[in-house]
Amino acid sequence: GMRSVKVSPDGARVTFLRGRDDNQFQLDLWEYNLKDKSQHRLVDSQ
């Protein structure tokens, strides 16, 4: 799942909020890099 999906102003990445595997209601900030096609958690809320 993804919430609050946004394309960055420079068009370099897509960011979104995603729940954790052990708690779908605890949201972290993730990014998808459009250049290298990598996806990873950008900011761990905890």
ModelCIF file with pLDDT and N, C-alpha, C, O atoms, coordinates in Angstrom:
data_MODEL
#
_entry.id   MODEL 
#
_entity.id                         1 
_entity.type                       polymer 
_entity.pdbx_number_of_molecules   1 
#
_entity_poly.entity_id                      1 
_entity_poly.type                           'polypeptide(L)' 
_entity_poly.nstd_linkage                   no 
_entity_poly.nstd_monomer                   no 
_entity_poly.pdbx_seq_one_letter_code       GMRSVKVSPDGARVTFLRGRDDNQFQLDLWEYNLKDKSQHRLVDSQ 
_entity_poly.pdbx_seq_one_letter_code_can   GMRSVKVSPDGARVTFLRGRDDNQFQLDLWEYNLKDKSQHRLVDSQ 
_entity_poly.pdbx_strand_id                 A 
#
loop_
_entity_poly_seq.entity_id 
_entity_poly_seq.num 
_entity_poly_seq.mon_id 
_entity_poly_seq.hetero 
1 1  GLY n 
1 2  MET n 
1 3  ARG n 
1 4  SER n 
1 5  VAL n 
1 6  LYS n 
1 7  VAL n 
1 8  SER n 
1 9  PRO n 
1 10 ASP n 
1 11 GLY n 
1 12 ALA n 
1 13 ARG n 
1 14 VAL n 
1 15 THR n 
1 16 PHE n 
1 17 LEU n 
1 18 ARG n 
1 19 GLY n 
1 20 ARG n 
1 21 ASP n 
1 22 ASP n 
1 23 ASN n 
1 24 GLN n 
1 25 PHE n 
1 26 GLN n 
1 27 LEU n 
1 28 ASP n 
1 29 LEU n 
1 30 TRP n 
1 31 GLU n 
1 32 TYR n 
1 33 ASN n 
1 34 LEU n 
1 35 LYS n 
1 36 ASP n 
1 37 LYS n 
1 38 SER n 
1 39 GLN n 
1 40 HIS n 
1 41 ARG n 
1 42 LEU n 
1 43 VAL n 
1 44 ASP n 
1 45 SER n 
1 46 GLN n 
#
_struct_asym.id          A 
_struct_asym.entity_id   1 
#
loop_
_ma_qa_metric.id 
_ma_qa_metric.mode 
_ma_qa_metric.name 
_ma_qa_metric.software_group_id 
_ma_qa_metric.type 
1 global pLDDT . pLDDT 
2 local  pLDDT . pLDDT 
#
_ma_qa_metric_global.metric_id      1 
_ma_qa_metric_global.metric_value   92.04 
_ma_qa_metric_global.model_id       1 
_ma_qa_metric_global.ordinal_id     1 
#
loop_
_ma_qa_metric_local.label_asym_id 
_ma_qa_metric_local.label_comp_id 
_ma_qa_metric_local.label_seq_id 
_ma_qa_metric_local.metric_id 
_ma_qa_metric_local.metric_value 
_ma_qa_metric_local.model_id 
_ma_qa_metric_local.ordinal_id 
A GLY 1  2 89.00 1 1  
A MET 2  2 92.00 1 2  
A ARG 3  2 92.00 1 3  
A SER 4  2 93.00 1 4  
A VAL 5  2 96.00 1 5  
A LYS 6  2 95.00 1 6  
A VAL 7  2 95.00 1 7  
A SER 8  2 95.00 1 8  
A PRO 9  2 94.00 1 9  
A ASP 10 2 91.00 1 10 
A GLY 11 2 90.00 1 11 
A ALA 12 2 91.00 1 12 
A ARG 13 2 93.00 1 13 
A VAL 14 2 95.00 1 14 
A THR 15 2 96.00 1 15 
A PHE 16 2 96.00 1 16 
A LEU 17 2 96.00 1 17 
A ARG 18 2 94.00 1 18 
A GLY 19 2 92.00 1 19 
A ARG 20 2 89.00 1 20 
A ASP 21 2 84.00 1 21 
A ASP 22 2 87.00 1 22 
A ASN 23 2 88.00 1 23 
A GLN 24 2 88.00 1 24 
A PHE 25 2 88.00 1 25 
A GLN 26 2 91.00 1 26 
A LEU 27 2 94.00 1 27 
A ASP 28 2 94.00 1 28 
A LEU 29 2 95.00 1 29 
A TRP 30 2 95.00 1 30 
A GLU 31 2 94.00 1 31 
A TYR 32 2 94.00 1 32 
A ASN 33 2 92.00 1 33 
A LEU 34 2 89.00 1 34 
A LYS 35 2 89.00 1 35 
A ASP 36 2 90.00 1 36 
A LYS 37 2 90.00 1 37 
A SER 38 2 91.00 1 38 
A GLN 39 2 92.00 1 39 
A HIS 40 2 92.00 1 40 
A ARG 41 2 94.00 1 41 
A LEU 42 2 94.00 1 42 
A VAL 43 2 92.00 1 43 
A ASP 44 2 92.00 1 44 
A SER 45 2 91.00 1 45 
A GLN 46 2 90.00 1 46 
#
loop_
_atom_site.group_PDB 
_atom_site.id 
_atom_site.type_symbol 
_atom_site.label_atom_id 
_atom_site.label_alt_id 
_atom_site.label_comp_id 
_atom_site.label_asym_id 
_atom_site.label_entity_id 
_atom_site.label_seq_id 
_atom_site.pdbx_PDB_ins_code 
_atom_site.Cartn_x 
_atom_site.Cartn_y 
_atom_site.Cartn_z 
_atom_site.occupancy 
_atom_site.B_iso_or_equiv 
_atom_site.pdbx_formal_charge 
_atom_site.auth_seq_id 
_atom_site.auth_comp_id 
_atom_site.auth_asym_id 
_atom_site.auth_atom_id 
_atom_site.pdbx_PDB_model_num 
ATOM 1   N N  . GLY A 1 1  ? 0.799  -1.218 0.000   1.00 89.00 ? 1  GLY A N  1 
ATOM 2   C CA . GLY A 1 1  ? 0.000  0.000  0.000   1.00 89.00 ? 1  GLY A CA 1 
ATOM 3   C C  . GLY A 1 1  ? 0.833  1.270  0.000   1.00 89.00 ? 1  GLY A C  1 
ATOM 4   O O  . GLY A 1 1  ? 1.972  1.272  0.466   1.00 89.00 ? 1  GLY A O  1 
ATOM 5   N N  . MET A 1 2  ? 0.266  2.349  -0.522  1.00 92.00 ? 2  MET A N  1 
ATOM 6   C CA . MET A 1 2  ? 0.934  3.639  -0.583  1.00 92.00 ? 2  MET A CA 1 
ATOM 7   C C  . MET A 1 2  ? -0.070 4.745  -0.293  1.00 92.00 ? 2  MET A C  1 
ATOM 8   O O  . MET A 1 2  ? -1.199 4.717  -0.784  1.00 92.00 ? 2  MET A O  1 
ATOM 9   N N  . ARG A 1 3  ? 0.344  5.707  0.497   1.00 92.00 ? 3  ARG A N  1 
ATOM 10  C CA . ARG A 1 3  ? -0.460 6.897  0.778   1.00 92.00 ? 3  ARG A CA 1 
ATOM 11  C C  . ARG A 1 3  ? 0.344  8.130  0.396   1.00 92.00 ? 3  ARG A C  1 
ATOM 12  O O  . ARG A 1 3  ? 1.572  8.098  0.321   1.00 92.00 ? 3  ARG A O  1 
ATOM 13  N N  . SER A 1 4  ? -0.374 9.204  0.160   1.00 93.00 ? 4  SER A N  1 
ATOM 14  C CA . SER A 1 4  ? 0.243  10.506 -0.092  1.00 93.00 ? 4  SER A CA 1 
ATOM 15  C C  . SER A 1 4  ? 1.368  10.408 -1.126  1.00 93.00 ? 4  SER A C  1 
ATOM 16  O O  . SER A 1 4  ? 2.500  10.818 -0.869  1.00 93.00 ? 4  SER A O  1 
ATOM 17  N N  . VAL A 1 5  ? 1.040  9.863  -2.290  1.00 96.00 ? 5  VAL A N  1 
ATOM 18  C CA . VAL A 1 5  ? 2.025  9.690  -3.370  1.00 96.00 ? 5  VAL A CA 1 
ATOM 19  C C  . VAL A 1 5  ? 2.299  11.050 -4.019  1.00 96.00 ? 5  VAL A C  1 
ATOM 20  O O  . VAL A 1 5  ? 1.369  11.779 -4.365  1.00 96.00 ? 5  VAL A O  1 
ATOM 21  N N  . LYS A 1 6  ? 3.584  11.382 -4.179  1.00 95.00 ? 6  LYS A N  1 
ATOM 22  C CA . LYS A 1 6  ? 3.968  12.651 -4.797  1.00 95.00 ? 6  LYS A CA 1 
ATOM 23  C C  . LYS A 1 6  ? 5.176  12.458 -5.703  1.00 95.00 ? 6  LYS A C  1 
ATOM 24  O O  . LYS A 1 6  ? 6.065  11.658 -5.413  1.00 95.00 ? 6  LYS A O  1 
ATOM 25  N N  . VAL A 1 7  ? 5.194  13.202 -6.804  1.00 95.00 ? 7  VAL A N  1 
ATOM 26  C CA . VAL A 1 7  ? 6.382  13.286 -7.646  1.00 95.00 ? 7  VAL A CA 1 
ATOM 27  C C  . VAL A 1 7  ? 7.166  14.506 -7.191  1.00 95.00 ? 7  VAL A C  1 
ATOM 28  O O  . VAL A 1 7  ? 6.602  15.596 -7.084  1.00 95.00 ? 7  VAL A O  1 
ATOM 29  N N  . SER A 1 8  ? 8.450  14.344 -6.923  1.00 95.00 ? 8  SER A N  1 
ATOM 30  C CA . SER A 1 8  ? 9.253  15.460 -6.423  1.00 95.00 ? 8  SER A CA 1 
ATOM 31  C C  . SER A 1 8  ? 9.278  16.594 -7.446  1.00 95.00 ? 8  SER A C  1 
ATOM 32  O O  . SER A 1 8  ? 9.138  16.346 -8.644  1.00 95.00 ? 8  SER A O  1 
ATOM 33  N N  . PRO A 1 9  ? 9.456  17.850 -6.983  1.00 94.00 ? 9  PRO A N  1 
ATOM 34  C CA . PRO A 1 9  ? 9.437  18.993 -7.903  1.00 94.00 ? 9  PRO A CA 1 
ATOM 35  C C  . PRO A 1 9  ? 10.457 18.907 -9.032  1.00 94.00 ? 9  PRO A C  1 
ATOM 36  O O  . PRO A 1 9  ? 10.224 19.434 -10.119 1.00 94.00 ? 9  PRO A O  1 
ATOM 37  N N  . ASP A 1 10 ? 11.594 18.241 -8.781  1.00 91.00 ? 10 ASP A N  1 
ATOM 38  C CA . ASP A 1 10 ? 12.594 18.109 -9.836  1.00 91.00 ? 10 ASP A CA 1 
ATOM 39  C C  . ASP A 1 10 ? 12.355 16.880 -10.708 1.00 91.00 ? 10 ASP A C  1 
ATOM 40  O O  . ASP A 1 10 ? 13.118 16.619 -11.638 1.00 91.00 ? 10 ASP A O  1 
ATOM 41  N N  . GLY A 1 11 ? 11.289 16.117 -10.408 1.00 90.00 ? 11 GLY A N  1 
ATOM 42  C CA . GLY A 1 11 ? 10.957 14.948 -11.218 1.00 90.00 ? 11 GLY A CA 1 
ATOM 43  C C  . GLY A 1 11 ? 11.897 13.775 -11.046 1.00 90.00 ? 11 GLY A C  1 
ATOM 44  O O  . GLY A 1 11 ? 11.869 12.843 -11.850 1.00 90.00 ? 11 GLY A O  1 
ATOM 45  N N  . ALA A 1 12 ? 12.736 13.796 -10.013 1.00 91.00 ? 12 ALA A N  1 
ATOM 46  C CA . ALA A 1 12 ? 13.757 12.763 -9.859  1.00 91.00 ? 12 ALA A CA 1 
ATOM 47  C C  . ALA A 1 12 ? 13.255 11.531 -9.122  1.00 91.00 ? 12 ALA A C  1 
ATOM 48  O O  . ALA A 1 12 ? 13.822 10.449 -9.279  1.00 91.00 ? 12 ALA A O  1 
ATOM 49  N N  . ARG A 1 13 ? 12.222 11.668 -8.335  1.00 93.00 ? 13 ARG A N  1 
ATOM 50  C CA . ARG A 1 13 ? 11.782 10.552 -7.510  1.00 93.00 ? 13 ARG A CA 1 
ATOM 51  C C  . ARG A 1 13 ? 10.293 10.655 -7.210  1.00 93.00 ? 13 ARG A C  1 
ATOM 52  O O  . ARG A 1 13 ? 9.678  11.714 -7.333  1.00 93.00 ? 13 ARG A O  1 
ATOM 53  N N  . VAL A 1 14 ? 9.745  9.525  -6.816  1.00 95.00 ? 14 VAL A N  1 
ATOM 54  C CA . VAL A 1 14 ? 8.374  9.465  -6.334  1.00 95.00 ? 14 VAL A CA 1 
ATOM 55  C C  . VAL A 1 14 ? 8.442  9.092  -4.859  1.00 95.00 ? 14 VAL A C  1 
ATOM 56  O O  . VAL A 1 14 ? 9.118  8.133  -4.486  1.00 95.00 ? 14 VAL A O  1 
ATOM 57  N N  . THR A 1 15 ? 7.753  9.838  -4.035  1.00 96.00 ? 15 THR A N  1 
ATOM 58  C CA . THR A 1 15 ? 7.745  9.554  -2.595  1.00 96.00 ? 15 THR A CA 1 
ATOM 59  C C  . THR A 1 15 ? 6.331  9.159  -2.165  1.00 96.00 ? 15 THR A C  1 
ATOM 60  O O  . THR A 1 15 ? 5.342  9.520  -2.803  1.00 96.00 ? 15 THR A O  1 
ATOM 61  N N  . PHE A 1 16 ? 6.267  8.413  -1.073  1.00 96.00 ? 16 PHE A N  1 
ATOM 62  C CA . PHE A 1 16 ? 4.972  7.950  -0.586  1.00 96.00 ? 16 PHE A CA 1 
ATOM 63  C C  . PHE A 1 16 ? 5.114  7.473  0.852   1.00 96.00 ? 16 PHE A C  1 
ATOM 64  O O  . PHE A 1 16 ? 6.219  7.208  1.326   1.00 96.00 ? 16 PHE A O  1 
ATOM 65  N N  . LEU A 1 17 ? 3.988  7.366  1.532   1.00 96.00 ? 17 LEU A N  1 
ATOM 66  C CA . LEU A 1 17 ? 3.937  6.829  2.882   1.00 96.00 ? 17 LEU A CA 1 
ATOM 67  C C  . LEU A 1 17 ? 3.481  5.381  2.812   1.00 96.00 ? 17 LEU A C  1 
ATOM 68  O O  . LEU A 1 17 ? 2.600  5.034  2.027   1.00 96.00 ? 17 LEU A O  1 
ATOM 69  N N  . ARG A 1 18 ? 4.088  4.543  3.637   1.00 94.00 ? 18 ARG A N  1 
ATOM 70  C CA . ARG A 1 18 ? 3.758  3.116  3.628   1.00 94.00 ? 18 ARG A CA 1 
ATOM 71  C C  . ARG A 1 18 ? 3.790  2.588  5.059   1.00 94.00 ? 18 ARG A C  1 
ATOM 72  O O  . ARG A 1 18 ? 4.669  2.944  5.843   1.00 94.00 ? 18 ARG A O  1 
ATOM 73  N N  . GLY A 1 19 ? 2.821  1.736  5.390   1.00 92.00 ? 19 GLY A N  1 
ATOM 74  C CA . GLY A 1 19 ? 2.797  1.095  6.693   1.00 92.00 ? 19 GLY A CA 1 
ATOM 75  C C  . GLY A 1 19 ? 3.872  0.034  6.818   1.00 92.00 ? 19 GLY A C  1 
ATOM 76  O O  . GLY A 1 19 ? 4.359  -0.498 5.820   1.00 92.00 ? 19 GLY A O  1 
ATOM 77  N N  . ARG A 1 20 ? 4.233  -0.264 8.042   1.00 89.00 ? 20 ARG A N  1 
ATOM 78  C CA . ARG A 1 20 ? 5.261  -1.265 8.290   1.00 89.00 ? 20 ARG A CA 1 
ATOM 79  C C  . ARG A 1 20 ? 4.666  -2.670 8.207   1.00 89.00 ? 20 ARG A C  1 
ATOM 80  O O  . ARG A 1 20 ? 3.460  -2.856 8.369   1.00 89.00 ? 20 ARG A O  1 
ATOM 81  N N  . ASP A 1 21 ? 5.522  -3.649 7.953   1.00 84.00 ? 21 ASP A N  1 
ATOM 82  C CA . ASP A 1 21 ? 5.053  -5.030 7.855   1.00 84.00 ? 21 ASP A CA 1 
ATOM 83  C C  . ASP A 1 21 ? 4.420  -5.510 9.152   1.00 84.00 ? 21 ASP A C  1 
ATOM 84  O O  . ASP A 1 21 ? 3.479  -6.303 9.139   1.00 84.00 ? 21 ASP A O  1 
ATOM 85  N N  . ASP A 1 22 ? 4.950  -5.016 10.286  1.00 87.00 ? 22 ASP A N  1 
ATOM 86  C CA . ASP A 1 22 ? 4.439  -5.468 11.576  1.00 87.00 ? 22 ASP A CA 1 
ATOM 87  C C  . ASP A 1 22 ? 3.378  -4.540 12.153  1.00 87.00 ? 22 ASP A C  1 
ATOM 88  O O  . ASP A 1 22 ? 2.821  -4.818 13.214  1.00 87.00 ? 22 ASP A O  1 
ATOM 89  N N  . ASN A 1 23 ? 3.095  -3.432 11.457  1.00 88.00 ? 23 ASN A N  1 
ATOM 90  C CA . ASN A 1 23 ? 2.047  -2.513 11.900  1.00 88.00 ? 23 ASN A CA 1 
ATOM 91  C C  . ASN A 1 23 ? 1.670  -1.619 10.720  1.00 88.00 ? 23 ASN A C  1 
ATOM 92  O O  . ASN A 1 23 ? 2.325  -0.613 10.449  1.00 88.00 ? 23 ASN A O  1 
ATOM 93  N N  . GLN A 1 24 ? 0.616  -2.002 10.035  1.00 88.00 ? 24 GLN A N  1 
ATOM 94  C CA . GLN A 1 24 ? 0.210  -1.278 8.829   1.00 88.00 ? 24 GLN A CA 1 
ATOM 95  C C  . GLN A 1 24 ? -0.216 0.153  9.119   1.00 88.00 ? 24 GLN A C  1 
ATOM 96  O O  . GLN A 1 24 ? -0.331 0.958  8.195   1.00 88.00 ? 24 GLN A O  1 
ATOM 97  N N  . PHE A 1 25 ? -0.456 0.490  10.401  1.00 88.00 ? 25 PHE A N  1 
ATOM 98  C CA . PHE A 1 25 ? -0.894 1.840  10.759  1.00 88.00 ? 25 PHE A CA 1 
ATOM 99  C C  . PHE A 1 25 ? 0.271  2.743  11.171  1.00 88.00 ? 25 PHE A C  1 
ATOM 100 O O  . PHE A 1 25 ? 0.067  3.932  11.419  1.00 88.00 ? 25 PHE A O  1 
ATOM 101 N N  . GLN A 1 26 ? 1.478  2.201  11.247  1.00 91.00 ? 26 GLN A N  1 
ATOM 102 C CA . GLN A 1 26 ? 2.678  2.991  11.546  1.00 91.00 ? 26 GLN A CA 1 
ATOM 103 C C  . GLN A 1 26 ? 3.340  3.329  10.219  1.00 91.00 ? 26 GLN A C  1 
ATOM 104 O O  . GLN A 1 26 ? 3.906  2.448  9.572   1.00 91.00 ? 26 GLN A O  1 
ATOM 105 N N  . LEU A 1 27 ? 3.279  4.598  9.801   1.00 94.00 ? 27 LEU A N  1 
ATOM 106 C CA . LEU A 1 27 ? 3.692  4.988  8.466   1.00 94.00 ? 27 LEU A CA 1 
ATOM 107 C C  . LEU A 1 27 ? 5.109  5.543  8.442   1.00 94.00 ? 27 LEU A C  1 
ATOM 108 O O  . LEU A 1 27 ? 5.495  6.357  9.281   1.00 94.00 ? 27 LEU A O  1 
ATOM 109 N N  . ASP A 1 28 ? 5.870  5.079  7.459   1.00 94.00 ? 28 ASP A N  1 
ATOM 110 C CA . ASP A 1 28 ? 7.206  5.599  7.170   1.00 94.00 ? 28 ASP A CA 1 
ATOM 111 C C  . ASP A 1 28 ? 7.199  6.260  5.796   1.00 94.00 ? 28 ASP A C  1 
ATOM 112 O O  . ASP A 1 28 ? 6.288  6.044  4.997   1.00 94.00 ? 28 ASP A O  1 
ATOM 113 N N  . LEU A 1 29 ? 8.223  7.066  5.530   1.00 95.00 ? 29 LEU A N  1 
ATOM 114 C CA . LEU A 1 29 ? 8.350  7.742  4.242   1.00 95.00 ? 29 LEU A CA 1 
ATOM 115 C C  . LEU A 1 29 ? 9.309  6.969  3.340   1.00 95.00 ? 29 LEU A C  1 
ATOM 116 O O  . LEU A 1 29 ? 10.445 6.688  3.724   1.00 95.00 ? 29 LEU A O  1 
ATOM 117 N N  . TRP A 1 30 ? 8.844  6.630  2.140   1.00 95.00 ? 30 TRP A N  1 
ATOM 118 C CA . TRP A 1 30 ? 9.619  5.864  1.168   1.00 95.00 ? 30 TRP A CA 1 
ATOM 119 C C  . TRP A 1 30 ? 9.856  6.680  -0.094  1.00 95.00 ? 30 TRP A C  1 
ATOM 120 O O  . TRP A 1 30 ? 9.172  7.669  -0.359  1.00 95.00 ? 30 TRP A O  1 
ATOM 121 N N  . GLU A 1 31 ? 10.848 6.236  -0.867  1.00 94.00 ? 31 GLU A N  1 
ATOM 122 C CA . GLU A 1 31 ? 11.086 6.877  -2.156  1.00 94.00 ? 31 GLU A CA 1 
ATOM 123 C C  . GLU A 1 31 ? 11.379 5.841  -3.232  1.00 94.00 ? 31 GLU A C  1 
ATOM 124 O O  . GLU A 1 31 ? 11.911 4.764  -2.961  1.00 94.00 ? 31 GLU A O  1 
ATOM 125 N N  . TYR A 1 32 ? 11.016 6.199  -4.461  1.00 94.00 ? 32 TYR A N  1 
ATOM 126 C CA . TYR A 1 32 ? 11.386 5.428  -5.641  1.00 94.00 ? 32 TYR A CA 1 
ATOM 127 C C  . TYR A 1 32 ? 12.198 6.360  -6.523  1.00 94.00 ? 32 TYR A C  1 
ATOM 128 O O  . TYR A 1 32 ? 11.692 7.391  -6.966  1.00 94.00 ? 32 TYR A O  1 
ATOM 129 N N  . ASN A 1 33 ? 13.450 6.010  -6.785  1.00 92.00 ? 33 ASN A N  1 
ATOM 130 C CA . ASN A 1 33 ? 14.339 6.831  -7.598  1.00 92.00 ? 33 ASN A CA 1 
ATOM 131 C C  . ASN A 1 33 ? 14.111 6.512  -9.069  1.00 92.00 ? 33 ASN A C  1 
ATOM 132 O O  . ASN A 1 33 ? 14.338 5.383  -9.504  1.00 92.00 ? 33 ASN A O  1 
ATOM 133 N N  . LEU A 1 34 ? 13.665 7.499  -9.832  1.00 89.00 ? 34 LEU A N  1 
ATOM 134 C CA . LEU A 1 34 ? 13.313 7.264  -11.229 1.00 89.00 ? 34 LEU A CA 1 
ATOM 135 C C  . LEU A 1 34 ? 14.533 6.999  -12.106 1.00 89.00 ? 34 LEU A C  1 
ATOM 136 O O  . LEU A 1 34 ? 14.403 6.417  -13.183 1.00 89.00 ? 34 LEU A O  1 
ATOM 137 N N  . LYS A 1 35 ? 15.719 7.420  -11.658 1.00 89.00 ? 35 LYS A N  1 
ATOM 138 C CA . LYS A 1 35 ? 16.914 7.223  -12.462 1.00 89.00 ? 35 LYS A CA 1 
ATOM 139 C C  . LYS A 1 35 ? 17.470 5.813  -12.322 1.00 89.00 ? 35 LYS A C  1 
ATOM 140 O O  . LYS A 1 35 ? 17.690 5.130  -13.322 1.00 89.00 ? 35 LYS A O  1 
ATOM 141 N N  . ASP A 1 36 ? 17.699 5.373  -11.082 1.00 90.00 ? 36 ASP A N  1 
ATOM 142 C CA . ASP A 1 36 ? 18.277 4.035  -10.900 1.00 90.00 ? 36 ASP A CA 1 
ATOM 143 C C  . ASP A 1 36 ? 17.235 2.967  -10.562 1.00 90.00 ? 36 ASP A C  1 
ATOM 144 O O  . ASP A 1 36 ? 17.571 1.803  -10.343 1.00 90.00 ? 36 ASP A O  1 
ATOM 145 N N  . LYS A 1 37 ? 15.952 3.388  -10.522 1.00 90.00 ? 37 LYS A N  1 
ATOM 146 C CA . LYS A 1 37 ? 14.834 2.462  -10.296 1.00 90.00 ? 37 LYS A CA 1 
ATOM 147 C C  . LYS A 1 37 ? 14.933 1.712  -8.959  1.00 90.00 ? 37 LYS A C  1 
ATOM 148 O O  . LYS A 1 37 ? 14.465 0.580  -8.834  1.00 90.00 ? 37 LYS A O  1 
ATOM 149 N N  . SER A 1 38 ? 15.543 2.357  -7.977  1.00 91.00 ? 38 SER A N  1 
ATOM 150 C CA . SER A 1 38 ? 15.629 1.751  -6.649  1.00 91.00 ? 38 SER A CA 1 
ATOM 151 C C  . SER A 1 38 ? 14.487 2.244  -5.778  1.00 91.00 ? 38 SER A C  1 
ATOM 152 O O  . SER A 1 38 ? 13.994 3.359  -5.949  1.00 91.00 ? 38 SER A O  1 
ATOM 153 N N  . GLN A 1 39 ? 14.075 1.405  -4.850  1.00 92.00 ? 39 GLN A N  1 
ATOM 154 C CA . GLN A 1 39 ? 13.007 1.749  -3.918  1.00 92.00 ? 39 GLN A CA 1 
ATOM 155 C C  . GLN A 1 39 ? 13.470 1.414  -2.514  1.00 92.00 ? 39 GLN A C  1 
ATOM 156 O O  . GLN A 1 39 ? 13.924 0.301  -2.252  1.00 92.00 ? 39 GLN A O  1 
ATOM 157 N N  . HIS A 1 40 ? 13.356 2.374  -1.615  1.00 92.00 ? 40 HIS A N  1 
ATOM 158 C CA . HIS A 1 40 ? 13.798 2.114  -0.253  1.00 92.00 ? 40 HIS A CA 1 
ATOM 159 C C  . HIS A 1 40 ? 13.112 3.076  0.720   1.00 92.00 ? 40 HIS A C  1 
ATOM 160 O O  . HIS A 1 40 ? 12.551 4.096  0.319   1.00 92.00 ? 40 HIS A O  1 
ATOM 161 N N  . ARG A 1 41 ? 13.170 2.731  1.988   1.00 94.00 ? 41 ARG A N  1 
ATOM 162 C CA . ARG A 1 41 ? 12.625 3.605  3.025   1.00 94.00 ? 41 ARG A CA 1 
ATOM 163 C C  . ARG A 1 41 ? 13.557 4.790  3.199   1.00 94.00 ? 41 ARG A C  1 
ATOM 164 O O  . ARG A 1 41 ? 14.753 4.637  3.444   1.00 94.00 ? 41 ARG A O  1 
ATOM 165 N N  . LEU A 1 42 ? 12.977 5.978  3.065   1.00 94.00 ? 42 LEU A N  1 
ATOM 166 C CA . LEU A 1 42 ? 13.776 7.193  3.161   1.00 94.00 ? 42 LEU A CA 1 
ATOM 167 C C  . LEU A 1 42 ? 13.861 7.692  4.601   1.00 94.00 ? 42 LEU A C  1 
ATOM 168 O O  . LEU A 1 42 ? 14.926 8.109  5.056   1.00 94.00 ? 42 LEU A O  1 
ATOM 169 N N  . VAL A 1 43 ? 12.729 7.650  5.319   1.00 92.00 ? 43 VAL A N  1 
ATOM 170 C CA . VAL A 1 43 ? 12.699 8.125  6.702   1.00 92.00 ? 43 VAL A CA 1 
ATOM 171 C C  . VAL A 1 43 ? 11.932 7.119  7.548   1.00 92.00 ? 43 VAL A C  1 
ATOM 172 O O  . VAL A 1 43 ? 10.777 6.800  7.264   1.00 92.00 ? 43 VAL A O  1 
ATOM 173 N N  . ASP A 1 44 ? 12.587 6.629  8.585   1.00 92.00 ? 44 ASP A N  1 
ATOM 174 C CA . ASP A 1 44 ? 11.981 5.697  9.529   1.00 92.00 ? 44 ASP A CA 1 
ATOM 175 C C  . ASP A 1 44 ? 11.308 6.513  10.633  1.00 92.00 ? 44 ASP A C  1 
ATOM 176 O O  . ASP A 1 44 ? 11.984 7.207  11.392  1.00 92.00 ? 44 ASP A O  1 
ATOM 177 N N  . SER A 1 45 ? 10.000 6.431  10.722  1.00 91.00 ? 45 SER A N  1 
ATOM 178 C CA . SER A 1 45 ? 9.272  7.241  11.699  1.00 91.00 ? 45 SER A CA 1 
ATOM 179 C C  . SER A 1 45 ? 9.676  6.918  13.126  1.00 91.00 ? 45 SER A C  1 
ATOM 180 O O  . SER A 1 45 ? 9.728  7.811  13.972  1.00 91.00 ? 45 SER A O  1 
ATOM 181 N N  . GLN A 1 46 ? 9.962  5.662  13.402  1.00 90.00 ? 46 GLN A N  1 
ATOM 182 C CA . GLN A 1 46 ? 10.323 5.282  14.769  1.00 90.00 ? 46 GLN A CA 1 
ATOM 183 C C  . GLN A 1 46 ? 11.749 5.707  15.112  1.00 90.00 ? 46 GLN A C  1 
ATOM 184 O O  . GLN A 1 46 ? 12.214 5.464  16.226  1.00 90.00 ? 46 GLN A O  1 
#
